[in-house]
Structure formats: C-alpha cells, structure tokens
PDB file of N, CA and C in Angstrom:
ATOM      1  N   MET A   1     -10.151  -3.391  96.181  1.00  0.00           N
ATOM      2  CA  MET A   1      -9.047  -3.280  97.339  1.00  0.00           C
ATOM      3  C   MET A   1      -7.937  -3.397  96.564  1.00  0.00           C
ATOM      4  N   THR A   2      -6.570  -2.945  96.935  1.00  0.00           N
ATOM      5  CA  THR A   2      -5.429  -2.717  96.133  1.00  0.00           C
ATOM      6  C   THR A   2      -4.368  -3.310  97.529  1.00  0.00           C
ATOM      7  N   PHE A   3      -3.849  -4.063  96.430  1.00  0.00           N
ATOM      8  CA  PHE A   3      -3.094  -5.003  96.664  1.00  0.00           C
ATOM      9  C   PHE A   3      -1.674  -4.877  96.556  1.00  0.00           C
ATOM     10  N   GLY A   4      -0.476  -4.955  97.246  1.00  0.00           N
ATOM     11  CA  GLY A   4       0.562  -4.955  97.169  1.00  0.00           C
ATOM     12  C   GLY A   4       1.512  -5.874  97.860  1.00  0.00           C
ATOM     13  N   VAL A   5       3.090  -6.062  97.053  1.00  0.00           N
ATOM     14  CA  VAL A   5       4.054  -7.015  97.265  1.00  0.00           C
ATOM     15  C   VAL A   5       4.834  -6.075  97.991  1.00  0.00           C
ATOM     16  N   LEU A   6       6.063  -6.695  99.708  1.00  0.00           N
ATOM     17  CA  LEU A   6       6.823  -6.088  99.852  1.00  0.00           C
ATOM     18  C   LEU A   6       7.490  -6.728 100.667  1.00  0.00           C
ATOM     19  N   ALA A   7       8.690  -7.153 100.529  1.00  0.00           N
ATOM     20  CA  ALA A   7       9.496  -8.058 101.063  1.00  0.00           C
ATOM     21  C   ALA A   7       9.185  -9.549 100.766  1.00  0.00           C
ATOM     22  N   GLY A   8       8.501  -9.775  99.784  1.00  0.00           N
ATOM     23  CA  GLY A   8       8.137 -10.769  99.182  1.00  0.00           C
ATOM     24  C   GLY A   8       6.767 -11.466  99.725  1.00  0.00           C
ATOM     25  N   ARG A   9       6.376 -10.796 100.511  1.00  0.00           N
ATOM     26  CA  ARG A   9       4.701 -11.349 101.204  1.00  0.00           C
ATOM     27  C   ARG A   9       3.705 -10.106 100.287  1.00  0.00           C
ATOM     28  N   LEU A  10       2.364 -10.830 100.052  1.00  0.00           N
ATOM     29  CA  LEU A  10       1.668  -9.829 100.156  1.00  0.00           C
ATOM     30  C   LEU A  10       0.726  -9.539 101.031  1.00  0.00           C
ATOM     31  N   MET A  11       0.669  -7.999 101.129  1.00  0.00           N
ATOM     32  CA  MET A  11      -0.141  -7.412 102.218  1.00  0.00           C
ATOM     33  C   MET A  11      -1.111  -6.705 101.423  1.00  0.00           C
ATOM     34  N   ARG A  12      -2.052  -5.965 102.213  1.00  0.00           N
ATOM     35  CA  ARG A  12      -2.965  -5.276 102.003  1.00  0.00           C
ATOM     36  C   ARG A  12      -3.659  -4.388 103.227  1.00  0.00           C
ATOM     37  N   GLY A  13      -4.074  -3.029 102.608  1.00  0.00           N
ATOM     38  CA  GLY A  13      -4.531  -2.249 103.818  1.00  0.00           C
ATOM     39  C   GLY A  13      -3.648  -1.841 104.711  1.00  0.00           C
ATOM     40  N   ARG A  14      -4.192  -1.453 106.150  1.00  0.00           N
ATOM     41  CA  ARG A  14      -3.362  -0.721 107.411  1.00  0.00           C
ATOM     42  C   ARG A  14      -1.976  -1.550 107.420  1.00  0.00           C
ATOM     43  N   GLY A  15      -2.269  -3.199 107.184  1.00  0.00           N
ATOM     44  CA  GLY A  15      -0.616  -3.499 107.897  1.00  0.00           C
ATOM     45  C   GLY A  15       0.452  -3.205 106.063  1.00  0.00           C
ATOM     46  N   TRP A  16      -0.053  -2.868 105.061  1.00  0.00           N
ATOM     47  CA  TRP A  16       0.525  -2.769 103.897  1.00  0.00           C
ATOM     48  C   TRP A  16       1.164  -1.276 104.288  1.00  0.00           C
ATOM     49  N   ILE A  17       0.656  -0.520 104.432  1.00  0.00           N
ATOM     50  CA  ILE A  17       0.629   1.042 104.728  1.00  0.00           C
ATOM     51  C   ILE A  17       1.864   0.741 105.759  1.00  0.00           C
ATOM     52  N   LYS A  18       1.649   0.805 106.871  1.00  0.00           N
ATOM     53  CA  LYS A  18       1.968   0.476 108.288  1.00  0.00           C
ATOM     54  C   LYS A  18       3.933   0.016 108.047  1.00  0.00           C
ATOM     55  N   ALA A  19       3.603  -1.052 106.947  1.00  0.00           N
ATOM     56  CA  ALA A  19       5.407  -1.583 106.600  1.00  0.00           C
ATOM     57  C   ALA A  19       5.574  -0.615 106.220  1.00  0.00           C
ATOM     58  N   LEU A  20       5.319   0.033 105.182  1.00  0.00           N
ATOM     59  CA  LEU A  20       5.811   1.219 104.176  1.00  0.00           C
ATOM     60  C   LEU A  20       6.468   2.115 105.415  1.00  0.00           C
ATOM     61  N   ARG A  21       5.408   2.578 105.756  1.00  0.00           N
ATOM     62  CA  ARG A  21       5.667   3.905 106.650  1.00  0.00           C
ATOM     63  C   ARG A  21       7.293   3.816 107.824  1.00  0.00           C
ATOM     64  N   GLN A  22       7.421   2.112 107.976  1.00  0.00           N
ATOM     65  CA  GLN A  22       8.191   1.368 108.850  1.00  0.00           C
ATOM     66  C   GLN A  22       9.301   1.704 107.698  1.00  0.00           C
ATOM     67  N   ASP A  23       9.287   1.405 106.640  1.00  0.00           N
ATOM     68  CA  ASP A  23      10.407   1.271 105.961  1.00  0.00           C
ATOM     69  C   ASP A  23      10.966   2.952 105.773  1.00  0.00           C
ATOM     70  N   ASP A  24       9.882   4.151 105.480  1.00  0.00           N
ATOM     71  CA  ASP A  24      10.391   5.015 105.425  1.00  0.00           C
ATOM     72  C   ASP A  24      11.154   5.620 106.503  1.00  0.00           C
ATOM     73  N   VAL A  25      10.949   5.349 107.853  1.00  0.00           N
ATOM     74  CA  VAL A  25      11.360   5.525 109.034  1.00  0.00           C
ATOM     75  C   VAL A  25      13.285   4.964 108.769  1.00  0.00           C
ATOM     76  N   ARG A  26      13.535   3.688 108.587  1.00  0.00           N
ATOM     77  CA  ARG A  26      14.551   3.088 108.558  1.00  0.00           C
ATOM     78  C   ARG A  26      15.421   4.232 107.662  1.00  0.00           C
ATOM     79  N   GLN A  27      14.768   4.197 106.210  1.00  0.00           N
ATOM     80  CA  GLN A  27      15.663   5.393 105.506  1.00  0.00           C
ATOM     81  C   GLN A  27      16.202   6.694 106.306  1.00  0.00           C
ATOM     82  N   VAL A  28      14.772   7.499 106.850  1.00  0.00           N
ATOM     83  CA  VAL A  28      15.048   8.579 107.316  1.00  0.00           C
ATOM     84  C   VAL A  28      16.538   8.589 108.601  1.00  0.00           C
ATOM     85  N   ARG A  29      16.110   7.771 109.190  1.00  0.00           N
ATOM     86  CA  ARG A  29      17.123   7.429 110.477  1.00  0.00           C
ATOM     87  C   ARG A  29      18.453   7.474 109.680  1.00  0.00           C
ATOM     88  N   ALA A  30      18.722   6.399 108.581  1.00  0.00           N
ATOM     89  CA  ALA A  30      19.743   6.217 108.098  1.00  0.00           C
ATOM     90  C   ALA A  30      20.679   7.641 107.446  1.00  0.00           C
ATOM     91  N   HIS A  31      19.801   8.839 106.882  1.00  0.00           N
ATOM     92  CA  HIS A  31      20.179   9.659 106.864  1.00  0.00           C
ATOM     93  C   HIS A  31      20.245  10.884 107.269  1.00  0.00           C
ATOM     94  N   ILE A  32      19.859  10.729 108.722  1.00  0.00           N
ATOM     95  CA  ILE A  32      19.905  11.409 109.971  1.00  0.00           C
ATOM     96  C   ILE A  32      21.644  11.401 110.208  1.00  0.00           C
ATOM     97  N   VAL A  33      21.396   9.995 110.255  1.00  0.00           N
ATOM     98  CA  VAL A  33      22.910   9.320 110.765  1.00  0.00           C
ATOM     99  C   VAL A  33      24.202  10.398 109.838  1.00  0.00           C
ATOM    100  N   GLU A  34      23.888   9.581 108.516  1.00  0.00           N
ATOM    101  CA  GLU A  34      25.086   9.966 107.702  1.00  0.00           C
ATOM    102  C   GLU A  34      24.910  11.801 107.555  1.00  0.00           C
ATOM    103  N   LEU A  35      23.604  12.639 108.013  1.00  0.00           N
ATOM    104  CA  LEU A  35      24.047  14.169 108.277  1.00  0.00           C
ATOM    105  C   LEU A  35      24.901  14.694 109.387  1.00  0.00           C
ATOM    106  N   GLU A  36      24.705  13.877 110.206  1.00  0.00           N
ATOM    107  CA  GLU A  36      25.126  14.043 111.661  1.00  0.00           C
ATOM    108  C   GLU A  36      26.613  13.694 111.312  1.00  0.00           C
ATOM    109  N   ARG A  37      27.179  12.717 111.109  1.00  0.00           N
ATOM    110  CA  ARG A  37      28.319  12.561 110.787  1.00  0.00           C
ATOM    111  C   ARG A  37      29.004  13.473 109.598  1.00  0.00           C
ATOM    112  N   ASN A  38      28.605  13.872 108.673  1.00  0.00           N
ATOM    113  CA  ASN A  38      29.327  14.904 107.960  1.00  0.00           C
ATOM    114  C   ASN A  38      29.412  16.276 108.807  1.00  0.00           C
ATOM    115  N   LEU A  39      28.309  16.757 109.518  1.00  0.00           N
ATOM    116  CA  LEU A  39      28.425  17.758 110.005  1.00  0.00           C
ATOM    117  C   LEU A  39      29.443  17.796 111.621  1.00  0.00           C
ATOM    118  N   MET A  40      29.498  16.312 111.964  1.00  0.00           N
ATOM    119  CA  MET A  40      31.054  16.334 112.834  1.00  0.00           C
ATOM    120  C   MET A  40      32.152  15.950 112.125  1.00  0.00           C
ATOM    121  N   ALA A  41      32.486  15.825 110.932  1.00  0.00           N
ATOM    122  CA  ALA A  41      33.506  15.552 109.948  1.00  0.00           C
ATOM    123  C   ALA A  41      34.198  16.921 110.349  1.00  0.00           C
ATOM    124  N   THR A  42      35.615  16.493 110.574  1.00  0.00           N
ATOM    125  CA  THR A  42      36.381  17.341 110.345  1.00  0.00           C
ATOM    126  C   THR A  42      36.855  18.317 108.925  1.00  0.00           C
ATOM    127  N   THR A  43      36.428  17.838 108.323  1.00  0.00           N
ATOM    128  CA  THR A  43      36.835  18.380 106.902  1.00  0.00           C
ATOM    129  C   THR A  43      36.137  19.907 106.717  1.00  0.00           C
ATOM    130  N   ALA A  44      37.005  20.988 106.325  1.00  0.00           N
ATOM    131  CA  ALA A  44      36.913  22.006 106.002  1.00  0.00           C
ATOM    132  C   ALA A  44      35.268  22.383 105.462  1.00  0.00           C
ATOM    133  N   GLN A  45      34.323  22.654 105.916  1.00  0.00           N
ATOM    134  CA  GLN A  45      32.982  22.871 105.127  1.00  0.00           C
ATOM    135  C   GLN A  45      33.021  24.433 105.186  1.00  0.00           C
ATOM    136  N   GLY A  46      32.141  24.582 104.362  1.00  0.00           N
ATOM    137  CA  GLY A  46      31.917  26.340 104.153  1.00  0.00           C
ATOM    138  C   GLY A  46      30.896  26.387 105.244  1.00  0.00           C
ATOM    139  N   ARG A  47      30.307  27.733 105.737  1.00  0.00           N
ATOM    140  CA  ARG A  47      29.250  27.926 106.544  1.00  0.00           C
ATOM    141  C   ARG A  47      28.233  27.731 105.798  1.00  0.00           C
ATOM    142  N   HIS A  48      27.954  28.011 104.805  1.00  0.00           N
ATOM    143  CA  HIS A  48      26.825  27.751 103.917  1.00  0.00           C
ATOM    144  C   HIS A  48      26.238  26.380 104.001  1.00  0.00           C
ATOM    145  N   ARG A  49      27.455  25.718 103.563  1.00  0.00           N
ATOM    146  CA  ARG A  49      27.306  24.228 103.541  1.00  0.00           C
ATOM    147  C   ARG A  49      26.768  23.819 104.677  1.00  0.00           C
ATOM    148  N   ARG A  50      27.458  24.111 106.272  1.00  0.00           N
ATOM    149  CA  ARG A  50      27.193  23.498 107.094  1.00  0.00           C
ATOM    150  C   ARG A  50      25.596  23.986 107.575  1.00  0.00           C
ATOM    151  N   PHE A  51      25.349  25.213 107.011  1.00  0.00           N
ATOM    152  CA  PHE A  51      23.362  25.662 107.562  1.00  0.00           C
ATOM    153  C   PHE A  51      23.022  25.076 106.600  1.00  0.00           C
ATOM    154  N   GLU A  52      23.411  24.267 105.458  1.00  0.00           N
ATOM    155  CA  GLU A  52      22.298  23.453 104.523  1.00  0.00           C
ATOM    156  C   GLU A  52      22.009  22.159 105.226  1.00  0.00           C
ATOM    157  N   ALA A  53      23.005  21.969 105.716  1.00  0.00           N
ATOM    158  CA  ALA A  53      23.359  20.329 106.095  1.00  0.00           C
ATOM    159  C   ALA A  53      22.562  20.384 107.845  1.00  0.00           C
ATOM    160  N   GLY A  54      22.928  21.095 108.568  1.00  0.00           N
ATOM    161  CA  GLY A  54      21.678  21.276 109.851  1.00  0.00           C
ATOM    162  C   GLY A  54      20.182  21.644 109.404  1.00  0.00           C
ATOM    163  N   ASN A  55      20.060  22.447 108.123  1.00  0.00           N
ATOM    164  CA  ASN A  55      18.781  23.103 107.770  1.00  0.00           C
ATOM    165  C   ASN A  55      17.901  21.310 107.831  1.00  0.00           C
ATOM    166  N   GLU A  56      18.911  20.477 106.850  1.00  0.00           N
ATOM    167  CA  GLU A  56      18.404  19.185 106.005  1.00  0.00           C
ATOM    168  C   GLU A  56      18.360  18.399 107.066  1.00  0.00           C
ATOM    169  N   LEU A  57      19.117  18.510 108.362  1.00  0.00           N
ATOM    170  CA  LEU A  57      18.929  17.517 109.315  1.00  0.00           C
ATOM    171  C   LEU A  57      17.694  17.650 110.433  1.00  0.00           C
ATOM    172  N   ARG A  58      17.217  19.534 110.844  1.00  0.00           N
ATOM    173  CA  ARG A  58      16.284  19.320 111.317  1.00  0.00           C
ATOM    174  C   ARG A  58      14.927  18.953 110.422  1.00  0.00           C
ATOM    175  N   ILE A  59      14.862  19.000 109.130  1.00  0.00           N
ATOM    176  CA  ILE A  59      13.721  18.744 108.494  1.00  0.00           C
ATOM    177  C   ILE A  59      13.610  16.940 108.292  1.00  0.00           C
ATOM    178  N   ALA A  60      14.721  16.553 108.619  1.00  0.00           N
ATOM    179  CA  ALA A  60      14.492  15.277 108.624  1.00  0.00           C
ATOM    180  C   ALA A  60      14.251  14.754 109.512  1.00  0.00           C
ATOM    181  N   LYS A  61      14.388  15.060 111.082  1.00  0.00           N
ATOM    182  CA  LYS A  61      13.899  14.792 112.375  1.00  0.00           C
ATOM    183  C   LYS A  61      12.431  15.231 112.308  1.00  0.00           C
ATOM    184  N   SER A  62      12.019  16.242 111.782  1.00  0.00           N
ATOM    185  CA  SER A  62      10.601  16.465 111.585  1.00  0.00           C
ATOM    186  C   SER A  62       9.660  15.557 111.596  1.00  0.00           C
ATOM    187  N   ARG A  63      10.928  14.963 110.112  1.00  0.00           N
ATOM    188  CA  ARG A  63       9.691  14.211 109.142  1.00  0.00           C
ATOM    189  C   ARG A  63       9.658  12.662 110.039  1.00  0.00           C
ATOM    190  N   LEU A  64      10.835  12.373 110.362  1.00  0.00           N
ATOM    191  CA  LEU A  64      10.944  11.042 111.433  1.00  0.00           C
ATOM    192  C   LEU A  64      10.127  11.176 112.321  1.00  0.00           C
ATOM    193  N   ASP A  65       9.816  12.350 113.405  1.00  0.00           N
ATOM    194  CA  ASP A  65       8.824  12.680 114.083  1.00  0.00           C
ATOM    195  C   ASP A  65       7.286  12.566 113.591  1.00  0.00           C
ATOM    196  N   ARG A  66       6.968  12.792 112.919  1.00  0.00           N
ATOM    197  CA  ARG A  66       5.987  12.582 111.756  1.00  0.00           C
ATOM    198  C   ARG A  66       5.417  11.119 111.651  1.00  0.00           C
ATOM    199  N   LEU A  67       6.287  10.567 111.042  1.00  0.00           N
ATOM    200  CA  LEU A  67       6.036   9.339 110.545  1.00  0.00           C
ATOM    201  C   LEU A  67       5.932   8.253 111.595  1.00  0.00           C
ATOM    202  N   GLU A  68       6.701   8.235 112.720  1.00  0.00           N
ATOM    203  CA  GLU A  68       6.899   7.635 114.284  1.00  0.00           C
ATOM    204  C   GLU A  68       5.479   8.254 114.710  1.00  0.00           C
ATOM    205  N   GLU A  69       4.701   9.006 114.737  1.00  0.00           N
ATOM    206  CA  GLU A  69       3.113   9.440 115.378  1.00  0.00           C
ATOM    207  C   GLU A  69       2.659   8.607 114.481  1.00  0.00           C
ATOM    208  N   CYS A  70       2.534   8.790 112.638  1.00  0.00           N
ATOM    209  CA  CYS A  70       1.595   7.848 112.116  1.00  0.00           C
ATOM    210  C   CYS A  70       1.499   6.298 112.437  1.00  0.00           C
ATOM    211  N   ILE A  71       2.939   5.951 112.777  1.00  0.00           N
ATOM    212  CA  ILE A  71       2.773   4.414 112.873  1.00  0.00           C
ATOM    213  C   ILE A  71       2.162   4.403 114.022  1.00  0.00           C
ATOM    214  N   ALA A  72       2.187   4.839 115.244  1.00  0.00           N
ATOM    215  CA  ALA A  72       1.946   5.004 116.544  1.00  0.00           C
ATOM    216  C   ALA A  72       0.172   5.391 116.372  1.00  0.00           C
ATOM    217  N   GLY A  73      -0.066   5.906 115.493  1.00  0.00           N
ATOM    218  CA  GLY A  73      -1.439   6.035 115.439  1.00  0.00           C
ATOM    219  C   GLY A  73      -2.153   4.761 114.972  1.00  0.00           C
ATOM    220  N   MET A  74      -1.622   4.325 113.678  1.00  0.00           N
ATOM    221  CA  MET A  74      -1.947   2.992 113.560  1.00  0.00           C
ATOM    222  C   MET A  74      -1.800   1.793 114.322  1.00  0.00           C
ATOM    223  N   ALA A  75      -1.142   2.237 115.415  1.00  0.00           N
ATOM    224  CA  ALA A  75      -1.590   0.599 116.227  1.00  0.00           C
ATOM    225  C   ALA A  75      -1.890   0.740 117.155  1.00  0.00           C
ATOM    226  N   GLU A  76      -2.180   2.090 117.730  1.00  0.00           N
ATOM    227  CA  GLU A  76      -3.507   2.406 118.239  1.00  0.00           C
ATOM    228  C   GLU A  76      -4.838   2.175 117.986  1.00  0.00           C
ATOM    229  N   LYS A  77      -5.166   2.121 116.545  1.00  0.00           N
ATOM    230  CA  LYS A  77      -6.342   2.340 116.111  1.00  0.00           C
ATOM    231  C   LYS A  77      -6.575   0.824 115.515  1.00  0.00           C
ATOM    232  N   SER A  78      -5.232  -0.498 115.553  1.00  0.00           N
ATOM    233  CA  SER A  78      -5.256  -1.853 115.130  1.00  0.00           C
ATOM    234  C   SER A  78      -5.987  -2.588 116.758  1.00  0.00           C
ATOM    235  N   ARG A  79      -5.473  -1.622 117.854  1.00  0.00           N
ATOM    236  CA  ARG A  79      -6.162  -2.201 118.942  1.00  0.00           C
ATOM    237  C   ARG A  79      -7.396  -2.250 119.211  1.00  0.00           C
ATOM    238  N   ARG A  80      -8.321  -1.462 118.402  1.00  0.00           N
ATOM    239  CA  ARG A  80      -9.558  -1.033 119.045  1.00  0.00           C
ATOM    240  C   ARG A  80     -10.594  -2.510 118.397  1.00  0.00           C
TER     241      ARG A  80
END
C-alpha cells in the first residue's frame, strides 16, 4: 500500500487522493481568479494575448469542473 504525507499528516488511499484533488481545486481556482483579473485589467493587451488568456481561462474552468466531479464521486463512494 502507498503512503504519503500531506500537511504533516500520514494519509493513504482514497483520503490521500481526495486531499490531493482538493489542493488541485484550490490552485485552479486561484489561477482562474488571476486570469479573470488580467482580462479585466485596463492595460492595453493585444488581441492575441486576450485570446490566449480567454482560452486559458476556459481550459482552467473545464479542469475545475472535472476535479469537482472527481471529488464528488469519491464522496459518494465513501458513503456506500
């Protein structure tokens, strides 16, 4: 069995994976906030850069949805 340490606690199995996914969610949410802030900034961004930021934002939101679905699925399995 694989063991790991996260936030000073020994964890293993589904709980460890869930904690990793929750950490991923926090990071993706922070990245989304940063991207949205950059898109709303009044600085003169080129059209290409705004397109890239918008595309990156769409990808980050999609990743967030997948991570949240994964965590919800893990919660459902643990209730059984």
